[in-house]
N, C-alpha and C. Protein backbone atom coordinates (compact mmCIF):
# COMPACT_ATOMS: atom_id res chain seq x y z
N MET A 1 -17.04 20.28 1.59
CA MET A 1 -18.38 19.81 1.03
C MET A 1 -18.27 18.27 1.21
N ILE A 2 -19.28 17.63 1.71
CA ILE A 2 -19.51 16.27 1.75
C ILE A 2 -20.54 15.82 0.88
N ARG A 3 -20.41 14.93 0.01
CA ARG A 3 -21.47 14.49 -0.96
C ARG A 3 -21.28 12.83 -1.08
N LYS A 4 -22.41 12.36 -1.68
CA LYS A 4 -22.29 10.88 -2.00
C LYS A 4 -21.28 10.73 -3.14
N ILE A 5 -20.64 9.44 -3.17
CA ILE A 5 -19.88 9.14 -4.30
C ILE A 5 -20.61 8.97 -5.47
N ARG A 6 -20.07 9.41 -6.66
CA ARG A 6 -20.67 9.42 -7.99
C ARG A 6 -19.82 8.38 -8.85
N PRO A 7 -20.42 7.95 -9.91
CA PRO A 7 -19.52 7.09 -10.78
C PRO A 7 -18.23 7.75 -11.31
N ASP A 8 -18.27 9.12 -11.61
CA ASP A 8 -17.06 9.82 -12.09
C ASP A 8 -16.08 9.96 -10.93
N ASP A 9 -16.38 9.61 -9.69
CA ASP A 9 -15.28 9.67 -8.68
C ASP A 9 -14.58 8.35 -8.59
N LYS A 10 -14.95 7.37 -9.12
CA LYS A 10 -14.42 5.99 -9.07
C LYS A 10 -12.86 5.97 -9.09
N PRO A 11 -12.32 6.56 -10.15
CA PRO A 11 -10.93 6.41 -10.44
C PRO A 11 -10.18 7.02 -9.16
N GLU A 12 -10.62 8.22 -8.85
CA GLU A 12 -9.98 8.96 -7.65
C GLU A 12 -10.18 8.30 -6.41
N VAL A 13 -11.27 7.79 -6.08
CA VAL A 13 -11.51 7.02 -4.93
C VAL A 13 -10.64 5.77 -4.81
N LEU A 14 -10.57 5.03 -5.91
CA LEU A 14 -9.83 3.95 -6.03
C LEU A 14 -8.33 4.11 -5.72
N ARG A 15 -7.83 5.31 -6.22
CA ARG A 15 -6.50 5.70 -5.92
C ARG A 15 -6.25 6.01 -4.49
N MET A 16 -7.19 6.67 -3.81
CA MET A 16 -7.19 7.03 -2.45
C MET A 16 -7.21 5.71 -1.51
N MET A 17 -8.02 4.78 -2.04
CA MET A 17 -8.19 3.45 -1.26
C MET A 17 -6.88 2.70 -1.26
N LYS A 18 -6.23 2.68 -2.54
CA LYS A 18 -4.99 2.03 -2.54
C LYS A 18 -3.95 2.57 -1.69
N PHE A 19 -3.96 3.92 -1.60
CA PHE A 19 -2.92 4.68 -0.80
C PHE A 19 -3.28 4.36 0.72
N PHE A 20 -4.58 4.43 1.17
CA PHE A 20 -5.07 4.17 2.56
C PHE A 20 -4.70 2.77 2.88
N TYR A 21 -4.94 1.88 2.07
CA TYR A 21 -4.78 0.46 2.50
C TYR A 21 -3.25 0.01 2.55
N LEU A 22 -2.39 0.78 1.92
CA LEU A 22 -0.86 0.50 1.99
C LEU A 22 -0.37 1.26 3.16
N SER A 23 -1.06 2.09 3.81
CA SER A 23 -0.60 2.90 4.95
C SER A 23 -0.48 2.10 6.27
N PRO A 24 0.24 2.72 7.27
CA PRO A 24 0.22 2.16 8.60
C PRO A 24 -1.31 2.20 9.23
N ALA A 25 -2.12 2.96 8.74
CA ALA A 25 -3.45 3.17 9.32
C ALA A 25 -4.30 2.00 9.13
N VAL A 26 -3.98 0.94 8.35
CA VAL A 26 -4.75 -0.20 8.03
C VAL A 26 -3.84 -1.39 8.10
N SER A 27 -4.41 -2.40 8.82
CA SER A 27 -3.59 -3.69 8.91
C SER A 27 -3.90 -4.68 7.84
N THR A 28 -4.60 -4.46 6.98
CA THR A 28 -4.93 -5.40 5.85
C THR A 28 -4.63 -4.72 4.56
N ASP A 29 -4.22 -5.42 3.58
CA ASP A 29 -3.76 -4.88 2.30
C ASP A 29 -5.01 -4.49 1.30
N GLY A 30 -6.02 -5.30 1.35
CA GLY A 30 -7.04 -5.23 0.43
C GLY A 30 -6.50 -5.57 -1.01
N SER A 31 -7.37 -5.41 -2.00
CA SER A 31 -6.92 -5.55 -3.33
C SER A 31 -7.78 -4.70 -4.37
N GLU A 32 -7.37 -4.59 -5.48
CA GLU A 32 -8.10 -3.84 -6.39
C GLU A 32 -9.56 -4.33 -6.67
N GLU A 33 -9.66 -5.58 -6.70
CA GLU A 33 -10.92 -6.33 -6.88
C GLU A 33 -11.81 -5.89 -5.73
N ILE A 34 -11.33 -5.97 -4.54
CA ILE A 34 -12.10 -5.63 -3.27
C ILE A 34 -12.52 -4.24 -3.32
N PHE A 35 -11.51 -3.32 -3.63
CA PHE A 35 -11.81 -1.78 -3.66
C PHE A 35 -12.91 -1.48 -4.70
N GLU A 36 -12.91 -2.06 -5.81
CA GLU A 36 -13.71 -1.77 -6.93
C GLU A 36 -15.24 -2.39 -6.39
N ARG A 37 -15.26 -3.42 -5.73
CA ARG A 37 -16.57 -4.01 -5.26
C ARG A 37 -17.03 -3.05 -4.23
N ASP A 38 -16.09 -2.48 -3.29
CA ASP A 38 -16.62 -1.47 -2.21
C ASP A 38 -17.22 -0.27 -2.96
N ILE A 39 -16.49 0.17 -3.99
CA ILE A 39 -17.07 1.60 -4.57
C ILE A 39 -18.36 1.15 -5.26
N ASP A 40 -18.46 -0.06 -6.06
CA ASP A 40 -19.73 -0.33 -6.64
C ASP A 40 -20.83 -0.50 -5.58
N ALA A 41 -20.61 -1.02 -4.43
CA ALA A 41 -21.50 -1.09 -3.37
C ALA A 41 -21.97 0.16 -2.89
N CYS A 42 -21.19 1.17 -3.02
CA CYS A 42 -21.49 2.64 -2.66
C CYS A 42 -22.33 3.20 -3.77
N LEU A 43 -21.96 2.97 -5.04
CA LEU A 43 -22.75 3.45 -6.17
C LEU A 43 -24.11 2.70 -6.16
N ASP A 44 -24.21 1.45 -5.88
CA ASP A 44 -25.53 0.75 -5.83
C ASP A 44 -26.32 1.13 -4.51
N GLU A 45 -25.71 1.80 -3.61
CA GLU A 45 -26.33 2.22 -2.37
C GLU A 45 -26.52 1.05 -1.38
N ASP A 46 -25.70 -0.09 -1.49
CA ASP A 46 -25.60 -1.13 -0.56
C ASP A 46 -24.81 -0.59 0.67
N LEU A 47 -23.89 0.35 0.36
CA LEU A 47 -22.96 0.99 1.36
C LEU A 47 -23.00 2.37 1.20
N ASN A 48 -22.89 3.18 2.32
CA ASN A 48 -22.93 4.59 2.13
C ASN A 48 -21.53 5.11 1.88
N GLY A 49 -21.43 5.73 0.60
CA GLY A 49 -20.13 6.15 0.26
C GLY A 49 -20.10 7.68 0.11
N TYR A 50 -19.17 8.32 0.61
CA TYR A 50 -19.07 9.77 0.65
C TYR A 50 -17.65 10.33 0.18
N VAL A 51 -17.61 11.45 -0.56
CA VAL A 51 -16.26 12.05 -0.68
C VAL A 51 -16.29 13.36 -0.14
N PHE A 52 -15.14 13.85 0.22
CA PHE A 52 -14.89 15.21 0.81
C PHE A 52 -14.34 16.16 -0.35
N GLU A 53 -14.89 17.20 -0.70
CA GLU A 53 -14.35 18.18 -1.58
C GLU A 53 -13.88 19.27 -0.89
N LEU A 54 -12.68 19.86 -1.22
CA LEU A 54 -12.12 21.14 -0.79
C LEU A 54 -11.29 21.67 -1.95
N ASP A 55 -11.54 22.99 -2.10
CA ASP A 55 -10.92 23.72 -3.18
C ASP A 55 -11.27 23.09 -4.59
N GLU A 56 -12.52 22.50 -4.75
CA GLU A 56 -12.98 21.89 -6.01
C GLU A 56 -12.32 20.59 -6.27
N LYS A 57 -11.60 20.16 -5.37
CA LYS A 57 -10.89 18.81 -5.54
C LYS A 57 -11.28 17.83 -4.45
N LEU A 58 -11.24 16.53 -4.82
CA LEU A 58 -11.56 15.48 -3.80
C LEU A 58 -10.41 15.35 -2.92
N ALA A 59 -10.72 15.64 -1.53
CA ALA A 59 -9.85 15.59 -0.38
C ALA A 59 -9.91 14.19 0.31
N GLY A 60 -10.85 13.38 0.17
CA GLY A 60 -10.81 12.19 0.90
C GLY A 60 -12.22 11.52 0.70
N TYR A 61 -12.31 10.38 1.41
CA TYR A 61 -13.61 9.63 1.21
C TYR A 61 -13.89 8.91 2.53
N ALA A 62 -15.16 8.41 2.53
CA ALA A 62 -15.70 7.57 3.72
C ALA A 62 -16.59 6.73 3.16
N MET A 63 -16.47 5.43 3.84
CA MET A 63 -17.67 4.42 3.50
C MET A 63 -18.22 3.92 4.86
N ALA A 64 -19.50 3.96 4.97
CA ALA A 64 -20.12 3.42 6.20
C ALA A 64 -21.33 2.51 5.77
N ALA A 65 -21.49 1.58 6.84
CA ALA A 65 -22.56 0.56 6.64
C ALA A 65 -23.45 0.69 7.83
N GLU A 66 -24.70 0.50 7.64
CA GLU A 66 -25.74 0.49 8.53
C GLU A 66 -25.93 -0.85 9.25
N SER A 67 -26.09 -0.93 10.45
CA SER A 67 -26.46 -2.23 11.24
C SER A 67 -27.13 -1.96 12.57
N PHE A 68 -27.15 -2.84 13.41
CA PHE A 68 -27.76 -2.73 14.69
C PHE A 68 -26.79 -3.18 15.70
N CYS A 69 -26.55 -2.33 16.93
CA CYS A 69 -25.52 -2.63 17.89
C CYS A 69 -26.31 -3.10 19.04
N THR A 70 -26.27 -4.52 19.31
CA THR A 70 -26.96 -5.00 20.56
C THR A 70 -26.37 -4.60 21.82
N GLU A 71 -24.97 -4.17 21.91
CA GLU A 71 -24.50 -3.73 23.09
C GLU A 71 -25.12 -2.48 23.61
N LEU A 72 -25.46 -1.64 22.55
CA LEU A 72 -26.11 -0.21 22.79
C LEU A 72 -27.48 -0.27 22.62
N GLY A 73 -28.10 -1.27 22.02
CA GLY A 73 -29.49 -1.39 21.79
C GLY A 73 -30.14 -0.36 20.82
N LYS A 74 -29.30 -0.11 19.82
CA LYS A 74 -29.70 0.86 18.89
C LYS A 74 -29.21 0.66 17.44
N LYS A 75 -29.68 1.29 16.48
CA LYS A 75 -29.11 1.21 15.07
C LYS A 75 -27.69 1.64 15.14
N CYS A 76 -26.80 1.30 14.26
CA CYS A 76 -25.52 1.62 14.29
C CYS A 76 -24.96 2.00 12.88
N LEU A 77 -24.11 2.83 12.90
CA LEU A 77 -23.32 3.26 11.53
C LEU A 77 -21.88 2.93 11.75
N TRP A 78 -21.47 1.97 11.06
CA TRP A 78 -20.07 1.55 11.14
C TRP A 78 -19.30 2.28 10.04
N ILE A 79 -18.26 3.13 10.52
CA ILE A 79 -17.50 3.85 9.55
C ILE A 79 -16.42 2.80 9.24
N GLU A 80 -16.61 2.38 8.00
CA GLU A 80 -15.72 1.28 7.46
C GLU A 80 -14.43 1.95 6.96
N ASP A 81 -14.35 3.00 6.31
CA ASP A 81 -13.20 3.67 5.91
C ASP A 81 -13.39 5.17 6.08
N LEU A 82 -12.29 5.77 6.50
CA LEU A 82 -12.29 7.24 6.54
C LEU A 82 -10.85 7.64 6.15
N PHE A 83 -10.66 8.31 5.04
CA PHE A 83 -9.39 8.66 4.58
C PHE A 83 -9.32 10.16 4.03
N ILE A 84 -8.42 10.93 4.54
CA ILE A 84 -8.26 12.19 3.99
C ILE A 84 -6.82 12.25 3.50
N ILE A 85 -6.70 12.83 2.28
CA ILE A 85 -5.34 13.02 1.66
C ILE A 85 -4.48 13.81 2.43
N PRO A 86 -3.13 13.26 2.65
CA PRO A 86 -2.21 14.04 3.70
C PRO A 86 -2.25 15.54 3.66
N GLU A 87 -2.17 16.15 2.36
CA GLU A 87 -2.15 17.57 2.27
C GLU A 87 -3.41 18.24 2.86
N TYR A 88 -4.61 17.60 2.90
CA TYR A 88 -5.82 18.28 3.35
C TYR A 88 -6.09 17.77 4.84
N ARG A 89 -5.30 17.24 5.59
CA ARG A 89 -5.51 16.76 6.99
C ARG A 89 -5.41 18.12 7.86
N ARG A 90 -5.89 18.13 8.92
CA ARG A 90 -5.81 19.06 9.93
C ARG A 90 -6.50 20.35 9.51
N GLN A 91 -7.51 20.22 8.60
CA GLN A 91 -8.33 21.44 8.08
C GLN A 91 -9.81 21.26 8.52
N GLY A 92 -10.05 20.18 9.45
CA GLY A 92 -11.41 20.16 9.94
C GLY A 92 -12.25 19.23 9.08
N LEU A 93 -11.88 18.54 8.19
CA LEU A 93 -12.73 17.72 7.29
C LEU A 93 -13.29 16.55 8.07
N ALA A 94 -12.43 15.92 9.00
CA ALA A 94 -12.90 14.70 9.92
C ALA A 94 -14.01 15.25 10.70
N GLU A 95 -13.86 16.37 11.41
CA GLU A 95 -14.80 16.96 12.28
C GLU A 95 -16.17 17.25 11.48
N GLU A 96 -15.96 17.77 10.33
CA GLU A 96 -17.21 18.12 9.49
C GLU A 96 -17.84 16.97 9.00
N PHE A 97 -17.10 15.77 8.74
CA PHE A 97 -17.81 14.43 8.47
C PHE A 97 -18.55 13.89 9.58
N PHE A 98 -18.02 14.01 10.86
CA PHE A 98 -18.76 13.37 11.86
C PHE A 98 -20.07 14.34 12.21
N ALA A 99 -19.79 15.62 12.04
CA ALA A 99 -20.97 16.48 12.27
C ALA A 99 -22.18 16.08 11.28
N PHE A 100 -21.64 15.90 10.01
CA PHE A 100 -22.51 15.44 8.86
C PHE A 100 -23.28 14.17 9.32
N VAL A 101 -22.45 13.16 9.62
CA VAL A 101 -22.98 11.88 10.00
C VAL A 101 -24.01 11.96 11.20
N LYS A 102 -23.75 12.73 12.12
CA LYS A 102 -24.64 12.79 13.22
C LYS A 102 -25.82 13.39 12.91
N LYS A 103 -25.85 14.43 11.92
CA LYS A 103 -27.04 15.02 11.52
C LYS A 103 -27.86 13.91 10.53
N GLN A 104 -27.30 13.20 9.71
CA GLN A 104 -27.95 12.32 8.84
C GLN A 104 -28.39 11.05 9.53
N TYR A 105 -27.82 10.62 10.68
CA TYR A 105 -28.10 9.45 11.39
C TYR A 105 -28.26 9.93 12.99
N PRO A 106 -29.28 10.71 13.22
CA PRO A 106 -29.33 11.24 14.64
C PRO A 106 -29.52 10.27 15.70
N ASP A 107 -30.18 9.07 15.38
CA ASP A 107 -30.56 8.17 16.55
C ASP A 107 -29.60 6.90 16.50
N TYR A 108 -28.62 7.01 15.81
CA TYR A 108 -27.66 5.90 15.58
C TYR A 108 -26.44 5.92 16.54
N ALA A 109 -25.75 4.75 16.85
CA ALA A 109 -24.51 4.79 17.40
C ALA A 109 -23.59 4.95 16.29
N ILE A 110 -22.39 5.48 16.41
CA ILE A 110 -21.32 5.42 15.47
C ILE A 110 -20.14 4.58 15.83
N ARG A 111 -19.72 3.60 15.16
CA ARG A 111 -18.61 2.79 15.45
C ARG A 111 -17.60 2.92 14.43
N LEU A 112 -16.43 2.61 14.75
CA LEU A 112 -15.20 2.47 13.85
C LEU A 112 -14.10 1.75 14.47
N GLU A 113 -13.23 1.44 13.61
CA GLU A 113 -11.98 0.82 14.03
C GLU A 113 -10.84 1.66 13.83
N VAL A 114 -9.74 1.59 14.64
CA VAL A 114 -8.64 2.42 14.57
C VAL A 114 -7.35 1.53 15.01
N GLU A 115 -6.33 1.52 14.21
CA GLU A 115 -5.17 0.93 14.56
C GLU A 115 -4.56 1.42 15.97
N LYS A 116 -4.15 0.54 16.83
CA LYS A 116 -3.43 1.14 18.06
C LYS A 116 -2.35 2.07 17.74
N SER A 117 -1.63 1.80 16.72
CA SER A 117 -0.50 2.68 16.42
C SER A 117 -0.82 3.96 15.74
N ASN A 118 -1.99 4.21 15.30
CA ASN A 118 -2.45 5.38 14.65
C ASN A 118 -2.82 6.47 15.82
N LYS A 119 -1.71 7.04 16.48
CA LYS A 119 -2.01 7.97 17.49
C LYS A 119 -2.74 9.10 17.02
N PRO A 120 -2.51 9.86 15.91
CA PRO A 120 -3.25 11.10 15.56
C PRO A 120 -4.81 10.70 15.40
N ALA A 121 -5.05 9.73 14.83
CA ALA A 121 -6.56 9.25 14.65
C ALA A 121 -7.12 8.95 15.88
N ARG A 122 -6.55 8.29 16.79
CA ARG A 122 -7.02 7.94 18.13
C ARG A 122 -7.21 9.21 19.01
N GLN A 123 -6.35 10.14 18.84
CA GLN A 123 -6.46 11.51 19.56
C GLN A 123 -7.81 12.24 19.09
N LEU A 124 -7.90 12.22 17.78
CA LEU A 124 -9.01 12.87 17.03
C LEU A 124 -10.35 12.16 17.60
N TYR A 125 -10.32 10.94 17.54
CA TYR A 125 -11.65 10.23 17.87
C TYR A 125 -12.01 10.48 19.35
N LYS A 126 -10.97 10.52 20.21
CA LYS A 126 -11.24 10.66 21.71
C LYS A 126 -11.74 12.11 21.87
N LYS A 127 -11.14 13.12 21.14
CA LYS A 127 -11.60 14.59 21.16
C LYS A 127 -13.05 14.58 20.73
N LEU A 128 -13.53 13.75 19.77
CA LEU A 128 -14.89 13.80 19.36
C LEU A 128 -15.80 12.97 20.23
N GLY A 129 -15.33 12.30 21.18
CA GLY A 129 -16.18 11.73 22.15
C GLY A 129 -16.29 10.23 21.98
N PHE A 130 -15.37 9.56 21.20
CA PHE A 130 -15.48 8.08 21.02
C PHE A 130 -14.88 7.42 22.20
N ASP A 131 -15.40 6.29 22.54
CA ASP A 131 -14.78 5.43 23.66
C ASP A 131 -14.59 4.15 23.08
N SER A 132 -13.82 3.26 23.73
CA SER A 132 -13.40 1.84 23.26
C SER A 132 -14.23 0.88 23.93
N PHE A 133 -14.48 -0.19 23.19
CA PHE A 133 -15.07 -1.48 23.73
C PHE A 133 -13.88 -2.21 24.21
N PRO A 134 -13.96 -3.09 25.29
CA PRO A 134 -12.78 -3.78 25.87
C PRO A 134 -12.57 -5.10 25.33
N TYR A 135 -12.86 -5.19 23.94
CA TYR A 135 -12.54 -6.58 23.43
C TYR A 135 -11.88 -6.40 21.95
N HIS A 136 -11.40 -7.51 21.64
CA HIS A 136 -10.73 -7.58 20.25
C HIS A 136 -11.90 -8.18 19.36
N GLU A 137 -11.93 -7.49 18.12
CA GLU A 137 -12.93 -7.86 17.07
C GLU A 137 -12.32 -9.00 16.22
N LEU A 138 -13.25 -9.98 15.93
CA LEU A 138 -12.82 -11.10 14.96
C LEU A 138 -13.75 -11.02 13.85
N TYR A 139 -13.36 -11.75 12.69
CA TYR A 139 -14.27 -11.99 11.63
C TYR A 139 -13.85 -13.28 10.81
N LEU A 140 -14.87 -13.72 10.19
CA LEU A 140 -14.84 -14.97 9.31
C LEU A 140 -15.33 -14.64 7.97
N GLU A 141 -14.50 -14.79 6.95
CA GLU A 141 -14.88 -14.56 5.59
C GLU A 141 -15.29 -15.78 4.92
N LEU A 142 -16.70 -15.71 4.46
CA LEU A 142 -17.20 -16.96 3.74
C LEU A 142 -17.18 -16.98 2.35
């Protein structure tokens, strides 16, 4: 089951975020302060936050931001985070999440980032139909 993040999910989502951001799947470390702001943004609905439940336990989470993609000329949903607890991987949760997203945001482009070294995730995204832009993304924090 996929549902919106609730206030009582915060400790478990925070734990998952710490695990995710320390893994090789992410090149930045983040901080507890940033993670808490992210979760609070989901609870305030400035950011779309979801949890995945399997066997009545939280099995993962995702965070997504709405924007506009000028390269594609349409609204865009940026998948900011997508994490599934290792023991729940390969059970179709990612595929279920993307089916859910496509239903919730039918006219949107879906974008995400993936580390080049994260071969399992890259294979999954390719299987789901994702393609690459031929450039390196930059950011400036103000």
